[in-house]
Amino acid sequence: MKKIINLVKKAIALVKKAISLYVALPKDKLLHIIAGALITMVVCLFPCLRMWGFLFGILAGLIKETVDVFKPEGKFDIKDWLATSIGAMAVQLLVWVIII
């Protein structure tokens, strides 16, 4: 029971932190975080890929930023890629905590 209470407390703290970050983050970066998180969530639905789901989120962000280079006025934005990677890694950490 103590474990569950501690987990709930940590989740509440994370939500509070996320809300404060939401206020400070530009909408574009927030969308990148969400995209990385969603890609990782979908990949982690497959049991054989659960341990490595974040790599798909990171790779998707890298591919998207590389494609942007070839668009008119486009460039590789490392901050966008990092935001996507952060979303992917956050979800992966949750998956690892749930599995372990």
Protein backbone atom coordinates (compact mmCIF):
# COMPACT_ATOMS: atom_id res chain seq x y z
CA MET A 1 0.00 0.00 0.00
CA LYS A 2 2.88 2.37 0.81
CA LYS A 3 4.31 1.73 -2.64
CA ILE A 4 1.05 2.79 -4.29
CA ILE A 5 0.79 5.93 -2.15
CA ASN A 6 4.36 6.89 -3.03
CA LEU A 7 3.66 6.27 -6.71
CA VAL A 8 0.55 8.48 -6.57
CA LYS A 9 2.53 11.23 -4.81
CA LYS A 10 5.20 11.05 -7.51
CA ALA A 11 2.55 11.19 -10.23
CA ILE A 12 0.97 14.27 -8.65
CA ALA A 13 4.37 15.94 -8.43
CA LEU A 14 5.00 15.14 -12.10
CA VAL A 15 1.64 16.60 -13.10
CA LYS A 16 2.39 19.79 -11.17
CA LYS A 17 5.80 20.00 -12.86
CA ALA A 18 4.22 19.37 -16.27
CA ILE A 19 1.68 22.14 -15.74
CA SER A 20 4.42 24.60 -14.82
CA LEU A 21 6.42 23.55 -17.89
CA TYR A 22 3.32 23.87 -20.08
CA VAL A 23 3.03 27.52 -19.12
CA ALA A 24 6.71 28.12 -19.93
CA LEU A 25 7.01 26.07 -23.12
CA PRO A 26 6.25 27.39 -26.59
CA LYS A 27 3.36 25.52 -28.23
CA ASP A 28 5.66 24.08 -30.91
CA LYS A 29 7.91 22.41 -28.33
CA LEU A 30 4.92 21.09 -26.42
CA LEU A 31 3.60 19.49 -29.62
CA HIS A 32 7.00 17.86 -30.20
CA ILE A 33 6.95 16.44 -26.65
CA ILE A 34 3.45 15.07 -27.21
CA ALA A 35 4.43 13.56 -30.58
CA GLY A 36 7.43 11.78 -29.10
CA ALA A 37 5.32 10.51 -26.22
CA LEU A 38 2.53 9.26 -28.50
CA ILE A 39 4.92 7.48 -30.87
CA THR A 40 6.58 5.73 -27.94
CA MET A 41 3.19 4.78 -26.44
CA VAL A 42 2.05 3.19 -29.69
CA VAL A 43 5.30 1.26 -30.13
CA CYS A 44 5.18 0.07 -26.51
CA LEU A 45 1.81 -1.57 -27.20
CA PHE A 46 3.84 -4.34 -28.85
CA PRO A 47 5.36 -6.49 -26.09
CA CYS A 48 8.47 -7.36 -28.10
CA LEU A 49 9.30 -3.65 -28.53
CA ARG A 50 8.48 -2.35 -25.03
CA MET A 51 12.08 -2.12 -23.88
CA TRP A 52 13.13 -0.05 -26.90
CA GLY A 53 10.05 2.04 -27.74
CA PHE A 54 11.78 5.34 -27.02
CA LEU A 55 14.22 4.72 -29.88
CA PHE A 56 11.32 4.93 -32.33
CA GLY A 57 10.23 8.29 -30.88
CA ILE A 58 13.77 9.66 -31.04
CA LEU A 59 14.25 8.34 -34.57
CA ALA A 60 10.92 9.79 -35.73
CA GLY A 61 11.98 13.22 -34.41
CA LEU A 62 15.35 12.92 -36.15
CA ILE A 63 13.71 11.97 -39.46
CA LYS A 64 11.18 14.82 -39.19
CA GLU A 65 13.90 17.39 -38.57
CA THR A 66 16.00 15.99 -41.42
CA VAL A 67 13.01 16.26 -43.78
CA ASP A 68 12.56 19.89 -42.66
CA VAL A 69 16.03 20.69 -44.05
CA PHE A 70 14.73 20.06 -47.57
CA LYS A 71 11.71 22.35 -47.22
CA PRO A 72 11.90 25.97 -48.33
CA GLU A 73 13.03 28.08 -45.39
CA GLY A 74 13.42 24.86 -43.40
CA LYS A 75 16.24 23.95 -41.06
CA PHE A 76 17.22 21.23 -38.63
CA ASP A 77 16.06 22.47 -35.25
CA ILE A 78 17.92 20.63 -32.52
CA LYS A 79 15.52 22.01 -29.89
CA ASP A 80 12.55 20.43 -31.70
CA TRP A 81 14.39 17.12 -31.88
CA LEU A 82 15.29 17.30 -28.19
CA ALA A 83 11.67 18.08 -27.28
CA THR A 84 10.50 15.03 -29.24
CA SER A 85 13.18 12.92 -27.56
CA ILE A 86 12.17 14.15 -24.10
CA GLY A 87 8.58 13.07 -24.72
CA ALA A 88 9.75 9.68 -25.94
CA MET A 89 12.07 9.13 -22.99
CA ALA A 90 9.48 10.24 -20.43
CA VAL A 91 6.99 7.65 -21.64
CA GLN A 92 9.71 5.00 -21.84
CA LEU A 93 10.65 5.63 -18.21
CA LEU A 94 7.02 5.14 -17.22
CA VAL A 95 6.87 1.90 -19.20
CA TRP A 96 10.03 0.63 -17.50
CA VAL A 97 8.66 1.53 -14.05
CA ILE A 98 5.40 -0.30 -14.79
CA ILE A 99 7.20 -3.37 -16.17
CA ILE A 100 9.68 -3.56 -13.30
